[in-house]
Amino acid sequence: MRHTTSRTSALALATLALIVVAAPTEAQGPEVQRLHYFVGEWTYMVGDGGGTVSGKTLADGRLVEWLERYQPATGDAIEIVHVFGYDPGGEAYFWHRYLPDGSVQMFSGWLEGKTWTFLRDSGAGTLIRLTLVEESPTASPFSWARSVKGGGWEQTAQGRMTKVK
């Protein structure tokens, strides 16, 4: 199991490297510019927990990295690394979450107006969806939902992000 996680992490990093290397160095397209919404210092609340996120650009602005510190209602805080980008070949956004246990969650996404949607197949016919709305330059409500075996979407959590810097 540990080797599979290492291979998955290596594959994810290699994919990011290929996208960054293949991307042109001239002016970024509007899709990449939209990712810059996530840059800055954010706080958020979700359920009984909350946390902070520090976002910055990488690779000449083509990627956005988030360093998240989540404090659940009970237990120890955890740190999660996120990388957002746009794949021009696939004409889709991607979001990779690197969790403390070494696992990687890979989402694909799109943007319609000011609504970001990211999807991930978590196996056994279960899809996970994050929806985040750019309510303003400093506020974003978001919600998590899941769909099991093609059924309807069940909201599993909701919260709100606030940009503080």
N, C-alpha and C. Protein backbone atom coordinates (compact mmCIF):
# COMPACT_ATOMS: atom_id res chain seq x y z
N MET A 1 0.82 -1.19 0.00
CA MET A 1 0.00 0.00 0.00
C MET A 1 0.87 1.25 0.00
N ARG A 2 1.93 1.22 0.77
CA ARG A 2 2.81 2.37 0.85
C ARG A 2 3.47 2.66 -0.51
N HIS A 3 3.85 1.59 -1.24
CA HIS A 3 4.46 1.79 -2.56
C HIS A 3 3.47 2.39 -3.53
N THR A 4 2.19 1.98 -3.45
CA THR A 4 1.17 2.53 -4.34
C THR A 4 0.99 4.01 -4.08
N THR A 5 0.96 4.41 -2.80
CA THR A 5 0.83 5.82 -2.47
C THR A 5 2.02 6.60 -2.99
N SER A 6 3.23 6.05 -2.85
CA SER A 6 4.42 6.73 -3.34
C SER A 6 4.38 6.87 -4.86
N ARG A 7 3.95 5.80 -5.53
CA ARG A 7 3.85 5.87 -6.99
C ARG A 7 2.80 6.89 -7.42
N THR A 8 1.66 6.92 -6.70
CA THR A 8 0.62 7.88 -7.03
C THR A 8 1.13 9.29 -6.84
N SER A 9 1.83 9.55 -5.74
CA SER A 9 2.39 10.87 -5.49
C SER A 9 3.41 11.24 -6.56
N ALA A 10 4.27 10.29 -6.92
CA ALA A 10 5.28 10.55 -7.95
C ALA A 10 4.61 10.85 -9.30
N LEU A 11 3.56 10.09 -9.62
CA LEU A 11 2.83 10.31 -10.87
C LEU A 11 2.18 11.69 -10.87
N ALA A 12 1.58 12.07 -9.75
CA ALA A 12 0.93 13.38 -9.67
C ALA A 12 1.96 14.49 -9.85
N LEU A 13 3.11 14.38 -9.21
CA LEU A 13 4.15 15.40 -9.35
C LEU A 13 4.72 15.43 -10.77
N ALA A 14 4.88 14.26 -11.38
CA ALA A 14 5.37 14.22 -12.76
C ALA A 14 4.36 14.87 -13.71
N THR A 15 3.08 14.64 -13.48
CA THR A 15 2.04 15.26 -14.30
C THR A 15 2.11 16.78 -14.17
N LEU A 16 2.24 17.27 -12.93
CA LEU A 16 2.36 18.71 -12.72
C LEU A 16 3.58 19.26 -13.45
N ALA A 17 4.69 18.57 -13.36
CA ALA A 17 5.92 19.02 -14.02
C ALA A 17 5.74 19.10 -15.52
N LEU A 18 5.08 18.10 -16.11
CA LEU A 18 4.85 18.12 -17.56
C LEU A 18 3.96 19.28 -17.97
N ILE A 19 2.93 19.54 -17.19
CA ILE A 19 2.03 20.64 -17.52
C ILE A 19 2.77 21.96 -17.43
N VAL A 20 3.58 22.13 -16.38
CA VAL A 20 4.33 23.37 -16.21
C VAL A 20 5.36 23.54 -17.32
N VAL A 21 6.08 22.48 -17.66
CA VAL A 21 7.10 22.57 -18.70
C VAL A 21 6.46 22.84 -20.05
N ALA A 22 5.32 22.20 -20.32
CA ALA A 22 4.67 22.34 -21.62
C ALA A 22 3.96 23.68 -21.78
N ALA A 23 3.66 24.34 -20.66
CA ALA A 23 2.92 25.60 -20.73
C ALA A 23 3.82 26.71 -21.28
N PRO A 24 3.27 27.57 -22.10
CA PRO A 24 4.08 28.67 -22.64
C PRO A 24 4.45 29.65 -21.54
N THR A 25 5.58 30.32 -21.73
CA THR A 25 6.03 31.28 -20.73
C THR A 25 5.52 32.68 -21.03
N GLU A 26 4.88 32.89 -22.20
CA GLU A 26 4.34 34.21 -22.47
C GLU A 26 3.11 34.46 -21.59
N ALA A 27 2.39 35.50 -21.84
CA ALA A 27 1.25 35.90 -21.01
C ALA A 27 0.31 34.72 -20.77
N GLN A 28 -0.17 34.65 -19.54
CA GLN A 28 -1.07 33.57 -19.16
C GLN A 28 -2.47 33.84 -19.70
N GLY A 29 -3.15 32.76 -20.06
CA GLY A 29 -4.52 32.87 -20.54
C GLY A 29 -5.48 33.22 -19.41
N PRO A 30 -6.71 33.53 -19.76
CA PRO A 30 -7.70 33.92 -18.75
C PRO A 30 -8.00 32.80 -17.75
N GLU A 31 -7.88 31.56 -18.19
CA GLU A 31 -8.14 30.44 -17.28
C GLU A 31 -7.12 30.43 -16.14
N VAL A 32 -5.87 30.65 -16.47
CA VAL A 32 -4.82 30.68 -15.44
C VAL A 32 -5.00 31.90 -14.55
N GLN A 33 -5.32 33.04 -15.14
CA GLN A 33 -5.53 34.25 -14.35
C GLN A 33 -6.64 34.06 -13.30
N ARG A 34 -7.67 33.31 -13.66
CA ARG A 34 -8.77 33.09 -12.72
C ARG A 34 -8.33 32.31 -11.48
N LEU A 35 -7.30 31.48 -11.61
CA LEU A 35 -6.78 30.76 -10.45
C LEU A 35 -6.23 31.70 -9.39
N HIS A 36 -5.81 32.89 -9.78
CA HIS A 36 -5.20 33.83 -8.84
C HIS A 36 -6.20 34.34 -7.80
N TYR A 37 -7.48 34.06 -8.01
CA TYR A 37 -8.49 34.37 -6.98
C TYR A 37 -8.11 33.71 -5.65
N PHE A 38 -7.48 32.54 -5.72
CA PHE A 38 -7.17 31.76 -4.53
C PHE A 38 -5.88 32.19 -3.81
N VAL A 39 -5.19 33.18 -4.35
CA VAL A 39 -3.94 33.66 -3.74
C VAL A 39 -4.28 34.56 -2.56
N GLY A 40 -3.51 34.45 -1.48
CA GLY A 40 -3.70 35.31 -0.32
C GLY A 40 -3.88 34.50 0.95
N GLU A 41 -4.20 35.21 2.01
CA GLU A 41 -4.43 34.58 3.32
C GLU A 41 -5.93 34.48 3.55
N TRP A 42 -6.40 33.29 3.84
CA TRP A 42 -7.82 33.03 4.03
C TRP A 42 -8.05 32.36 5.39
N THR A 43 -9.23 32.56 5.94
CA THR A 43 -9.70 31.77 7.07
C THR A 43 -11.00 31.12 6.63
N TYR A 44 -11.35 30.04 7.28
CA TYR A 44 -12.62 29.40 6.93
C TYR A 44 -13.20 28.66 8.13
N MET A 45 -14.49 28.47 8.06
CA MET A 45 -15.22 27.66 9.03
C MET A 45 -15.99 26.62 8.23
N VAL A 46 -15.98 25.40 8.75
CA VAL A 46 -16.76 24.32 8.14
C VAL A 46 -17.19 23.40 9.28
N GLY A 47 -18.50 23.21 9.42
CA GLY A 47 -18.99 22.41 10.53
C GLY A 47 -18.55 23.03 11.85
N ASP A 48 -18.02 22.20 12.74
CA ASP A 48 -17.54 22.67 14.04
C ASP A 48 -16.05 23.00 14.02
N GLY A 49 -15.43 22.94 12.86
CA GLY A 49 -14.00 23.21 12.77
C GLY A 49 -13.72 24.39 11.87
N GLY A 50 -12.47 24.62 11.64
CA GLY A 50 -12.08 25.72 10.77
C GLY A 50 -10.58 25.73 10.59
N GLY A 51 -10.11 26.71 9.86
CA GLY A 51 -8.69 26.75 9.63
C GLY A 51 -8.24 27.97 8.88
N THR A 52 -7.00 27.90 8.45
CA THR A 52 -6.40 28.97 7.68
C THR A 52 -5.78 28.38 6.41
N VAL A 53 -5.71 29.22 5.39
CA VAL A 53 -5.10 28.83 4.13
C VAL A 53 -4.22 29.98 3.67
N SER A 54 -3.01 29.65 3.26
CA SER A 54 -2.09 30.63 2.70
C SER A 54 -1.85 30.23 1.26
N GLY A 55 -2.26 31.08 0.32
CA GLY A 55 -2.14 30.76 -1.10
C GLY A 55 -1.12 31.63 -1.81
N LYS A 56 -0.30 31.00 -2.66
CA LYS A 56 0.68 31.74 -3.45
C LYS A 56 0.80 31.08 -4.82
N THR A 57 1.34 31.85 -5.77
CA THR A 57 1.54 31.30 -7.11
C THR A 57 2.88 30.58 -7.19
N LEU A 58 2.94 29.62 -8.08
CA LEU A 58 4.15 28.87 -8.40
C LEU A 58 4.29 28.84 -9.92
N ALA A 59 5.46 28.44 -10.39
CA ALA A 59 5.69 28.22 -11.82
C ALA A 59 5.27 29.43 -12.66
N ASP A 60 5.83 30.58 -12.32
CA ASP A 60 5.51 31.82 -13.04
C ASP A 60 4.03 32.12 -13.08
N GLY A 61 3.33 31.77 -12.00
CA GLY A 61 1.91 32.10 -11.89
C GLY A 61 0.97 31.09 -12.51
N ARG A 62 1.48 30.00 -13.06
CA ARG A 62 0.62 29.01 -13.72
C ARG A 62 -0.04 28.05 -12.74
N LEU A 63 0.49 27.98 -11.52
CA LEU A 63 -0.08 27.12 -10.49
C LEU A 63 -0.33 27.96 -9.24
N VAL A 64 -1.26 27.51 -8.42
CA VAL A 64 -1.49 28.12 -7.11
C VAL A 64 -1.34 27.03 -6.07
N GLU A 65 -0.52 27.33 -5.06
CA GLU A 65 -0.32 26.40 -3.95
C GLU A 65 -1.02 26.95 -2.72
N TRP A 66 -1.75 26.07 -2.04
CA TRP A 66 -2.36 26.42 -0.76
C TRP A 66 -1.66 25.60 0.31
N LEU A 67 -1.32 26.25 1.42
CA LEU A 67 -0.88 25.56 2.61
C LEU A 67 -1.99 25.75 3.63
N GLU A 68 -2.65 24.64 3.96
CA GLU A 68 -3.83 24.69 4.82
C GLU A 68 -3.51 24.11 6.19
N ARG A 69 -4.03 24.74 7.21
CA ARG A 69 -3.98 24.21 8.57
C ARG A 69 -5.42 24.12 9.06
N TYR A 70 -5.90 22.89 9.20
CA TYR A 70 -7.29 22.65 9.61
C TYR A 70 -7.33 22.18 11.06
N GLN A 71 -8.18 22.83 11.84
CA GLN A 71 -8.37 22.45 13.24
C GLN A 71 -9.78 21.90 13.40
N PRO A 72 -9.90 20.57 13.52
CA PRO A 72 -11.24 20.01 13.75
C PRO A 72 -11.73 20.39 15.15
N ALA A 73 -13.02 20.18 15.39
CA ALA A 73 -13.59 20.51 16.69
C ALA A 73 -12.88 19.77 17.82
N THR A 74 -12.48 18.54 17.56
CA THR A 74 -11.72 17.77 18.54
C THR A 74 -10.50 17.18 17.85
N GLY A 75 -9.45 17.01 18.59
CA GLY A 75 -8.25 16.40 18.02
C GLY A 75 -7.23 17.43 17.58
N ASP A 76 -6.16 16.92 17.00
CA ASP A 76 -5.04 17.75 16.59
C ASP A 76 -5.28 18.40 15.23
N ALA A 77 -4.67 19.55 15.04
CA ALA A 77 -4.71 20.23 13.74
C ALA A 77 -3.95 19.40 12.72
N ILE A 78 -4.37 19.50 11.47
CA ILE A 78 -3.66 18.81 10.40
C ILE A 78 -3.27 19.83 9.33
N GLU A 79 -2.20 19.52 8.61
CA GLU A 79 -1.75 20.37 7.53
C GLU A 79 -1.93 19.65 6.20
N ILE A 80 -2.43 20.37 5.22
CA ILE A 80 -2.71 19.82 3.90
C ILE A 80 -2.11 20.76 2.87
N VAL A 81 -1.47 20.20 1.84
CA VAL A 81 -0.94 21.00 0.73
C VAL A 81 -1.86 20.78 -0.47
N HIS A 82 -2.23 21.87 -1.10
CA HIS A 82 -3.09 21.83 -2.29
C HIS A 82 -2.35 22.47 -3.46
N VAL A 83 -2.55 21.96 -4.65
CA VAL A 83 -2.03 22.59 -5.86
C VAL A 83 -3.16 22.67 -6.88
N PHE A 84 -3.41 23.89 -7.36
CA PHE A 84 -4.43 24.14 -8.37
C PHE A 84 -3.73 24.53 -9.67
N GLY A 85 -4.31 24.15 -10.78
CA GLY A 85 -3.76 24.53 -12.06
C GLY A 85 -4.79 24.38 -13.16
N TYR A 86 -4.37 24.72 -14.36
CA TYR A 86 -5.22 24.57 -15.54
C TYR A 86 -4.45 23.80 -16.59
N ASP A 87 -5.08 22.76 -17.10
CA ASP A 87 -4.48 21.93 -18.15
C ASP A 87 -5.07 22.36 -19.49
N PRO A 88 -4.32 23.14 -20.29
CA PRO A 88 -4.87 23.62 -21.56
C PRO A 88 -5.17 22.49 -22.55
N GLY A 89 -4.40 21.40 -22.48
CA GLY A 89 -4.67 20.28 -23.38
C GLY A 89 -6.00 19.61 -23.09
N GLY A 90 -6.30 19.46 -21.83
CA GLY A 90 -7.56 18.84 -21.42
C GLY A 90 -8.68 19.85 -21.22
N GLU A 91 -8.32 21.14 -21.35
CA GLU A 91 -9.27 22.24 -21.16
C GLU A 91 -10.04 22.07 -19.86
N ALA A 92 -9.31 21.81 -18.78
CA ALA A 92 -9.94 21.61 -17.47
C ALA A 92 -8.99 22.07 -16.37
N TYR A 93 -9.58 22.48 -15.26
CA TYR A 93 -8.80 22.79 -14.07
C TYR A 93 -8.49 21.49 -13.34
N PHE A 94 -7.44 21.51 -12.53
CA PHE A 94 -7.16 20.37 -11.67
C PHE A 94 -6.82 20.89 -10.28
N TRP A 95 -7.04 20.02 -9.32
CA TRP A 95 -6.76 20.35 -7.92
C TRP A 95 -6.26 19.07 -7.28
N HIS A 96 -5.07 19.11 -6.72
CA HIS A 96 -4.50 17.95 -6.03
C HIS A 96 -4.34 18.30 -4.57
N ARG A 97 -4.84 17.42 -3.70
CA ARG A 97 -4.72 17.58 -2.24
C ARG A 97 -3.75 16.54 -1.73
N TYR A 98 -2.69 17.00 -1.06
CA TYR A 98 -1.69 16.11 -0.49
C TYR A 98 -1.94 16.04 1.00
N LEU A 99 -2.43 14.89 1.46
CA LEU A 99 -2.86 14.72 2.84
C LEU A 99 -1.72 14.24 3.74
N PRO A 100 -1.86 14.44 5.06
CA PRO A 100 -0.79 14.08 5.99
C PRO A 100 -0.38 12.60 5.95
N ASP A 101 -1.29 11.72 5.57
CA ASP A 101 -0.96 10.29 5.52
C ASP A 101 -0.21 9.91 4.25
N GLY A 102 0.08 10.90 3.39
CA GLY A 102 0.82 10.64 2.16
C GLY A 102 -0.07 10.39 0.95
N SER A 103 -1.37 10.30 1.16
CA SER A 103 -2.27 10.07 0.03
C SER A 103 -2.51 11.37 -0.74
N VAL A 104 -2.92 11.21 -1.98
CA VAL A 104 -3.20 12.34 -2.86
C VAL A 104 -4.62 12.18 -3.38
N GLN A 105 -5.39 13.24 -3.27
CA GLN A 105 -6.74 13.27 -3.85
C GLN A 105 -6.68 14.18 -5.07
N MET A 106 -7.09 13.66 -6.23
CA MET A 106 -7.02 14.41 -7.47
C MET A 106 -8.42 14.73 -7.97
N PHE A 107 -8.68 16.01 -8.14
CA PHE A 107 -9.97 16.50 -8.61
C PHE A 107 -9.79 17.12 -9.99
N SER A 108 -10.83 17.07 -10.80
CA SER A 108 -10.88 17.84 -12.04
C SER A 108 -12.01 18.84 -11.87
N GLY A 109 -11.89 19.98 -12.56
CA GLY A 109 -12.90 20.99 -12.31
C GLY A 109 -13.14 21.91 -13.47
N TRP A 110 -14.10 22.79 -13.26
CA TRP A 110 -14.46 23.79 -14.25
C TRP A 110 -14.99 25.03 -13.52
N LEU A 111 -15.08 26.10 -14.27
CA LEU A 111 -15.55 27.38 -13.75
C LEU A 111 -16.66 27.88 -14.66
N GLU A 112 -17.81 28.17 -14.06
CA GLU A 112 -18.93 28.75 -14.80
C GLU A 112 -19.29 30.05 -14.10
N GLY A 113 -19.04 31.18 -14.77
CA GLY A 113 -19.29 32.47 -14.12
C GLY A 113 -18.35 32.62 -12.94
N LYS A 114 -18.93 32.65 -11.74
CA LYS A 114 -18.14 32.77 -10.51
C LYS A 114 -18.27 31.52 -9.64
N THR A 115 -18.69 30.42 -10.25
CA THR A 115 -18.86 29.17 -9.50
C THR A 115 -17.84 28.14 -9.95
N TRP A 116 -16.98 27.74 -8.99
CA TRP A 116 -15.99 26.69 -9.22
C TRP A 116 -16.61 25.37 -8.79
N THR A 117 -16.41 24.32 -9.60
CA THR A 117 -16.86 22.98 -9.25
C THR A 117 -15.71 22.01 -9.50
N PHE A 118 -15.41 21.21 -8.49
CA PHE A 118 -14.36 20.19 -8.60
C PHE A 118 -14.96 18.84 -8.25
N LEU A 119 -14.63 17.82 -9.06
CA LEU A 119 -15.14 16.46 -8.86
C LEU A 119 -13.99 15.47 -8.71
N ARG A 120 -14.28 14.43 -7.91
CA ARG A 120 -13.31 13.35 -7.72
C ARG A 120 -14.08 12.05 -7.56
N ASP A 121 -13.61 11.01 -8.26
CA ASP A 121 -14.15 9.67 -8.08
C ASP A 121 -13.37 9.03 -6.94
N SER A 122 -14.04 8.79 -5.82
CA SER A 122 -13.34 8.24 -4.66
C SER A 122 -13.43 6.72 -4.60
N GLY A 123 -13.93 6.11 -5.66
CA GLY A 123 -14.00 4.65 -5.73
C GLY A 123 -15.35 4.12 -5.31
N ALA A 124 -15.59 2.88 -5.65
CA ALA A 124 -16.84 2.19 -5.31
C ALA A 124 -18.08 2.97 -5.75
N GLY A 125 -17.95 3.71 -6.86
CA GLY A 125 -19.10 4.41 -7.40
C GLY A 125 -19.47 5.69 -6.68
N THR A 126 -18.59 6.21 -5.84
CA THR A 126 -18.87 7.44 -5.08
C THR A 126 -18.11 8.61 -5.68
N LEU A 127 -18.85 9.66 -6.02
CA LEU A 127 -18.26 10.90 -6.49
C LEU A 127 -18.30 11.93 -5.37
N ILE A 128 -17.24 12.72 -5.26
CA ILE A 128 -17.15 13.80 -4.29
C ILE A 128 -17.12 15.10 -5.08
N ARG A 129 -17.88 16.09 -4.61
CA ARG A 129 -17.95 17.37 -5.31
C ARG A 129 -17.73 18.53 -4.32
N LEU A 130 -16.87 19.46 -4.71
CA LEU A 130 -16.73 20.72 -3.98
C LEU A 130 -17.24 21.82 -4.89
N THR A 131 -18.12 22.65 -4.37
CA THR A 131 -18.61 23.82 -5.09
C THR A 131 -18.25 25.05 -4.27
N LEU A 132 -17.61 26.01 -4.91
CA LEU A 132 -17.18 27.24 -4.25
C LEU A 132 -17.61 28.41 -5.12
N VAL A 133 -18.23 29.42 -4.50
CA VAL A 133 -18.73 30.58 -5.24
C VAL A 133 -17.91 31.80 -4.87
N GLU A 134 -17.46 32.53 -5.89
CA GLU A 134 -16.76 33.80 -5.67
C GLU A 134 -17.83 34.86 -5.38
N GLU A 135 -18.26 34.92 -4.13
CA GLU A 135 -19.29 35.87 -3.74
C GLU A 135 -18.79 37.31 -3.86
N SER A 136 -17.52 37.51 -3.51
CA SER A 136 -16.85 38.80 -3.62
C SER A 136 -15.35 38.51 -3.68
N PRO A 137 -14.50 39.53 -3.85
CA PRO A 137 -13.06 39.24 -3.85
C PRO A 137 -12.54 38.70 -2.51
N THR A 138 -13.34 38.81 -1.45
CA THR A 138 -12.88 38.37 -0.13
C THR A 138 -13.81 37.38 0.56
N ALA A 139 -14.80 36.85 -0.13
CA ALA A 139 -15.73 35.93 0.52
C ALA A 139 -16.19 34.85 -0.45
N SER A 140 -16.18 33.61 0.04
CA SER A 140 -16.60 32.47 -0.78
C SER A 140 -17.31 31.42 0.07
N PRO A 141 -18.62 31.29 -0.09
CA PRO A 141 -19.27 30.14 0.51
C PRO A 141 -18.90 28.89 -0.29
N PHE A 142 -18.85 27.74 0.37
CA PHE A 142 -18.54 26.50 -0.32
C PHE A 142 -19.34 25.36 0.28
N SER A 143 -19.46 24.28 -0.49
CA SER A 143 -20.16 23.09 0.02
C SER A 143 -19.53 21.84 -0.57
N TRP A 144 -19.53 20.80 0.25
CA TRP A 144 -19.10 19.47 -0.17
C TRP A 144 -20.34 18.60 -0.32
N ALA A 145 -20.33 17.73 -1.32
CA ALA A 145 -21.45 16.81 -1.52
C ALA A 145 -20.91 15.50 -2.07
N ARG A 146 -21.72 14.46 -1.98
CA ARG A 146 -21.34 13.17 -2.56
C ARG A 146 -22.55 12.55 -3.25
N SER A 147 -22.23 11.74 -4.24
CA SER A 147 -23.23 10.98 -4.97
C SER A 147 -22.76 9.53 -4.99
N VAL A 148 -23.63 8.64 -4.55
CA VAL A 148 -23.27 7.22 -4.48
C VAL A 148 -24.00 6.46 -5.58
N LYS A 149 -23.21 5.76 -6.38
CA LYS A 149 -23.72 4.89 -7.46
C LYS A 149 -24.75 5.59 -8.35
N GLY A 150 -24.42 6.82 -8.76
CA GLY A 150 -25.27 7.54 -9.70
C GLY A 150 -26.50 8.17 -9.09
N GLY A 151 -26.63 8.12 -7.77
CA GLY A 151 -27.78 8.73 -7.11
C GLY A 151 -27.64 10.24 -7.06
N GLY A 152 -28.60 10.87 -6.40
CA GLY A 152 -28.57 12.32 -6.26
C GLY A 152 -27.43 12.78 -5.36
N TRP A 153 -27.22 14.08 -5.34
CA TRP A 153 -26.15 14.67 -4.53
C TRP A 153 -26.65 14.91 -3.12
N GLU A 154 -25.86 14.46 -2.14
CA GLU A 154 -26.14 14.66 -0.72
C GLU A 154 -25.08 15.61 -0.17
N GLN A 155 -25.52 16.76 0.37
CA GLN A 155 -24.55 17.71 0.94
C GLN A 155 -23.97 17.11 2.21
N THR A 156 -22.64 17.13 2.33
CA THR A 156 -21.98 16.56 3.49
C THR A 156 -21.37 17.62 4.39
N ALA A 157 -21.11 18.80 3.87
CA ALA A 157 -20.56 19.90 4.68
C ALA A 157 -20.71 21.20 3.91
N GLN A 158 -20.76 22.28 4.66
CA GLN A 158 -20.74 23.60 4.03
C GLN A 158 -19.98 24.55 4.92
N GLY A 159 -19.46 25.59 4.30
CA GLY A 159 -18.67 26.54 5.05
C GLY A 159 -18.51 27.84 4.31
N ARG A 160 -17.63 28.65 4.83
CA ARG A 160 -17.39 29.97 4.25
C ARG A 160 -15.93 30.34 4.43
N MET A 161 -15.31 30.81 3.33
CA MET A 161 -13.93 31.30 3.36
C MET A 161 -13.97 32.83 3.33
N THR A 162 -13.05 33.43 4.09
CA THR A 162 -12.92 34.88 4.12
C THR A 162 -11.46 35.25 3.91
N LYS A 163 -11.20 36.08 2.93
CA LYS A 163 -9.83 36.52 2.65
C LYS A 163 -9.47 37.63 3.64
N VAL A 164 -8.38 37.43 4.36
CA VAL A 164 -7.96 38.39 5.37
C VAL A 164 -6.76 39.22 4.93
N LYS A 165 -6.08 38.78 3.86
CA LYS A 165 -4.90 39.50 3.37
C LYS A 165 -4.57 39.07 1.96
